[in-house]
Amino acid sequence: MPRVTKAQMRQDELTRAKLEIVAAREGGEDVLRPLLAQHPALAGELIDFSAALAATSAYSDVELTPETETIAVQARDHAFAVVFGAAPAVAKAPAFASLKALRQARKVSMPTLAARLGLGVDVVSALEAGRIRVASAPERLLRSLGEMLDTTADQIVAMLGAQPPVSPALRRARGEVADAEPLDFADAVRLSPEMSEEAKSDWLNAQ
């Protein structure tokens, strides 16, 4: 069994704390202060992440015009660079607004991504549409998505937290329950009609 290094333990702790911030934003709460008290060694990264997450999602409902689009893209790029470091490869990487946008940019179809993950297409679709609570996503899923889409688990967390959920009107048009609460990842897997019991067990036992 591979030995877990201190650096990996710190990264896992940071990822979990970031997920708590994302979950709090979903519920309209503020957990930054208690998280800073719990993780003083991560204070700088958590403050930057919280500020940049707000910057990437603050204007998600505002329609861009040609005059403001360039400014918006630059602001988003800067916010992501603050969170994930100023290394040239990261700072110059496009800041995608959603998991779907990233997947499409990587030219990976939803069925292909689902097959590689061992998930149902319905689960991946729900994740992209904001119908799964981000905080319930296991680290294994975040890391796998990062590896398959050529990014990092932290960037996956940020994209899932920043992307706006599907509007109630669109959900009604799709024949979905417009006011349904988002599911936990485990529940989405458990309820998936597209996954075998073996595939479900593989994910659920890893929770």
Protein backbone atom coordinates (compact mmCIF):
# COMPACT_ATOMS: atom_id res chain seq x y z
CA MET A 1 0.00 0.00 0.00
CA PRO A 2 1.52 3.39 -1.00
CA ARG A 3 2.76 5.46 1.93
CA VAL A 4 0.88 8.72 2.43
CA THR A 5 3.30 11.62 2.69
CA LYS A 6 2.86 14.67 4.90
CA ALA A 7 2.43 16.77 1.79
CA GLN A 8 -0.41 14.54 0.57
CA MET A 9 -2.05 14.59 4.03
CA ARG A 10 -1.86 18.39 4.01
CA GLN A 11 -3.31 18.53 0.49
CA ASP A 12 -6.18 16.22 1.50
CA GLU A 13 -6.88 18.40 4.56
CA LEU A 14 -6.89 21.49 2.34
CA THR A 15 -9.23 19.88 -0.19
CA ARG A 16 -11.69 18.87 2.55
CA ALA A 17 -11.64 22.40 3.99
CA LYS A 18 -12.28 23.87 0.53
CA LEU A 19 -15.22 21.50 0.09
CA GLU A 20 -16.66 22.81 3.36
CA ILE A 21 -16.41 26.37 2.02
CA VAL A 22 -18.16 25.33 -1.21
CA ALA A 23 -20.91 23.56 0.76
CA ALA A 24 -21.41 26.62 2.95
CA ARG A 25 -21.78 28.84 -0.13
CA GLU A 26 -24.41 26.44 -1.47
CA GLY A 27 -26.35 26.85 1.78
CA GLY A 28 -25.81 30.61 2.09
CA GLU A 29 -23.63 30.19 5.18
CA ASP A 30 -20.18 31.45 6.16
CA VAL A 31 -17.80 28.90 7.66
CA LEU A 32 -14.53 30.64 6.87
CA ARG A 33 -13.93 31.95 10.40
CA PRO A 34 -14.34 28.57 12.18
CA LEU A 35 -12.32 26.84 9.45
CA LEU A 36 -9.46 29.28 9.98
CA ALA A 37 -9.55 28.46 13.68
CA GLN A 38 -9.51 24.71 12.94
CA HIS A 39 -6.78 24.91 10.28
CA PRO A 40 -4.48 27.83 11.18
CA ALA A 41 -1.68 26.44 9.00
CA LEU A 42 -3.97 26.65 5.95
CA ALA A 43 -5.28 30.16 6.66
CA GLY A 44 -3.67 31.83 3.66
CA GLU A 45 -4.87 29.27 1.14
CA LEU A 46 -8.40 29.18 2.59
CA ILE A 47 -8.78 32.96 2.58
CA ASP A 48 -7.57 33.17 -1.02
CA PHE A 49 -9.81 30.27 -2.07
CA SER A 50 -12.90 31.83 -0.47
CA ALA A 51 -12.24 35.21 -2.10
CA ALA A 52 -11.50 33.73 -5.52
CA LEU A 53 -14.50 31.42 -5.39
CA ALA A 54 -16.70 34.44 -4.77
CA ALA A 55 -15.01 36.25 -7.67
CA THR A 56 -15.60 33.39 -10.10
CA SER A 57 -19.29 33.08 -9.28
CA ALA A 58 -20.44 36.59 -8.34
CA TYR A 59 -21.66 37.45 -11.83
CA SER A 60 -22.85 34.03 -13.02
CA ASP A 61 -26.35 35.42 -13.68
CA VAL A 62 -25.16 38.52 -15.57
CA GLU A 63 -25.21 38.33 -19.36
CA LEU A 64 -21.83 39.23 -20.82
CA THR A 65 -21.47 41.79 -23.57
CA PRO A 66 -18.52 42.06 -25.99
CA GLU A 67 -17.31 45.07 -23.99
CA THR A 68 -17.27 43.26 -20.63
CA GLU A 69 -16.36 39.72 -21.69
CA THR A 70 -12.62 40.37 -21.91
CA ILE A 71 -12.59 42.01 -18.49
CA ALA A 72 -14.62 39.16 -17.02
CA VAL A 73 -12.28 36.51 -18.45
CA GLN A 74 -9.23 38.35 -17.11
CA ALA A 75 -10.82 38.65 -13.68
CA ARG A 76 -11.69 34.96 -13.63
CA ASP A 77 -8.18 33.98 -14.74
CA HIS A 78 -6.70 36.14 -11.99
CA ALA A 79 -9.01 34.61 -9.37
CA PHE A 80 -8.06 31.07 -10.34
CA ALA A 81 -4.36 32.00 -10.40
CA VAL A 82 -4.66 33.34 -6.85
CA VAL A 83 -6.21 30.08 -5.66
CA PHE A 84 -4.05 27.60 -7.51
CA GLY A 85 -0.72 29.38 -7.63
CA ALA A 86 1.06 31.60 -10.12
CA ALA A 87 3.02 28.90 -11.93
CA PRO A 88 2.98 29.73 -15.67
CA ALA A 89 1.24 26.48 -16.66
CA VAL A 90 -1.59 27.14 -14.22
CA ALA A 91 -1.88 30.90 -14.56
CA LYS A 92 -2.20 30.66 -18.34
CA ALA A 93 -4.67 27.78 -18.31
CA PRO A 94 -8.22 28.73 -19.34
CA ALA A 95 -10.53 29.22 -16.34
CA PHE A 96 -13.55 27.16 -17.29
CA ALA A 97 -16.89 28.20 -15.88
CA SER A 98 -18.17 24.66 -15.35
CA LEU A 99 -17.27 21.00 -15.40
CA LYS A 100 -19.26 20.61 -18.62
CA ALA A 101 -17.28 23.39 -20.31
CA LEU A 102 -14.01 21.75 -19.29
CA ARG A 103 -15.13 18.32 -20.48
CA GLN A 104 -16.20 19.71 -23.84
CA ALA A 105 -12.95 21.63 -24.20
CA ARG A 106 -11.06 18.38 -23.61
CA LYS A 107 -13.26 16.75 -26.29
CA VAL A 108 -14.44 14.01 -23.92
CA SER A 109 -18.05 12.89 -24.32
CA MET A 110 -20.24 12.39 -21.26
CA PRO A 111 -20.64 8.63 -21.91
CA THR A 112 -16.86 8.27 -22.27
CA LEU A 113 -16.19 10.14 -19.03
CA ALA A 114 -18.85 8.14 -17.20
CA ALA A 115 -17.38 4.85 -18.47
CA ARG A 116 -13.86 5.80 -17.38
CA LEU A 117 -15.13 6.76 -13.93
CA GLY A 118 -17.28 3.66 -13.59
CA LEU A 119 -20.38 5.82 -13.09
CA GLY A 120 -23.72 6.06 -14.85
CA VAL A 121 -24.18 8.81 -17.41
CA ASP A 122 -27.08 9.99 -15.25
CA VAL A 123 -24.71 10.56 -12.31
CA VAL A 124 -22.21 12.54 -14.39
CA SER A 125 -25.07 14.55 -15.91
CA ALA A 126 -26.43 15.35 -12.44
CA LEU A 127 -22.97 16.43 -11.28
CA GLU A 128 -22.54 18.77 -14.26
CA ALA A 129 -26.04 20.20 -13.76
CA GLY A 130 -25.50 21.06 -10.09
CA ARG A 131 -27.95 18.42 -8.87
CA ILE A 132 -25.37 16.76 -6.61
CA ARG A 133 -24.05 18.47 -3.47
CA VAL A 134 -20.44 19.38 -4.12
CA ALA A 135 -19.44 18.75 -0.51
CA SER A 136 -20.59 15.13 -0.80
CA ALA A 137 -18.24 14.37 -3.71
CA PRO A 138 -15.52 11.95 -2.54
CA GLU A 139 -11.88 12.86 -2.99
CA ARG A 140 -11.49 9.85 -5.26
CA LEU A 141 -13.99 11.37 -7.69
CA LEU A 142 -12.33 14.80 -7.62
CA ARG A 143 -8.90 13.32 -8.26
CA SER A 144 -10.15 11.06 -11.03
CA LEU A 145 -11.92 13.94 -12.78
CA GLY A 146 -8.76 16.02 -12.51
CA GLU A 147 -6.62 13.27 -14.04
CA MET A 148 -9.06 12.54 -16.86
CA LEU A 149 -9.65 16.20 -17.73
CA ASP A 150 -6.04 17.32 -17.33
CA THR A 151 -6.50 19.59 -14.33
CA THR A 152 -6.32 19.36 -10.53
CA ALA A 153 -8.77 18.20 -7.89
CA ASP A 154 -8.78 21.74 -6.45
CA GLN A 155 -9.80 23.20 -9.80
CA ILE A 156 -12.59 20.62 -10.08
CA VAL A 157 -13.84 21.70 -6.63
CA ALA A 158 -13.74 25.36 -7.65
CA MET A 159 -15.60 24.74 -10.91
CA LEU A 160 -18.31 22.67 -9.23
CA GLY A 161 -18.72 25.32 -6.55
CA ALA A 162 -18.81 28.24 -8.98
CA GLN A 163 -21.07 26.84 -11.68
CA PRO A 164 -24.72 27.95 -11.37
CA PRO A 165 -27.30 25.18 -10.99
CA VAL A 166 -29.81 24.49 -13.74
CA SER A 167 -32.67 26.98 -13.49
CA PRO A 168 -36.09 25.73 -12.30
CA ALA A 169 -37.66 26.73 -15.65
CA LEU A 170 -35.18 24.63 -17.61
CA ARG A 171 -35.63 21.71 -15.24
CA ARG A 172 -39.38 21.88 -15.75
CA ALA A 173 -38.86 21.95 -19.52
CA ARG A 174 -36.78 18.77 -19.17
CA GLY A 175 -39.55 17.11 -17.22
CA GLU A 176 -37.60 17.22 -13.95
CA VAL A 177 -38.86 18.22 -10.50
CA ALA A 178 -37.94 21.89 -10.41
CA ASP A 179 -37.81 22.27 -6.63
CA ALA A 180 -36.09 18.95 -5.86
CA GLU A 181 -33.22 19.18 -3.39
CA PRO A 182 -29.72 18.28 -4.66
CA LEU A 183 -28.66 14.72 -3.90
CA ASP A 184 -25.63 13.52 -2.03
CA PHE A 185 -23.19 11.76 -4.36
CA ALA A 186 -23.79 8.42 -2.62
CA ASP A 187 -27.55 8.73 -3.11
CA ALA A 188 -27.10 9.58 -6.79
CA VAL A 189 -25.02 6.43 -7.21
CA ARG A 190 -27.43 4.31 -5.20
CA LEU A 191 -30.44 5.49 -7.23
CA SER A 192 -28.75 5.25 -10.64
CA PRO A 193 -30.62 2.86 -12.98
CA GLU A 194 -27.60 2.79 -15.30
CA MET A 195 -25.05 1.32 -12.89
CA SER A 196 -24.55 -2.32 -12.00
CA GLU A 197 -24.66 -3.38 -8.37
CA GLU A 198 -20.95 -4.12 -8.58
CA ALA A 199 -20.18 -0.61 -9.86
CA LYS A 200 -22.38 0.93 -7.17
CA SER A 201 -20.68 -1.12 -4.48
CA ASP A 202 -17.26 -0.02 -5.71
CA TRP A 203 -18.18 3.65 -5.22
CA LEU A 204 -20.31 3.31 -2.10
CA ASN A 205 -17.74 1.21 -0.23
CA ALA A 206 -15.16 3.87 -0.97
CA GLN A 207 -17.18 6.60 0.80
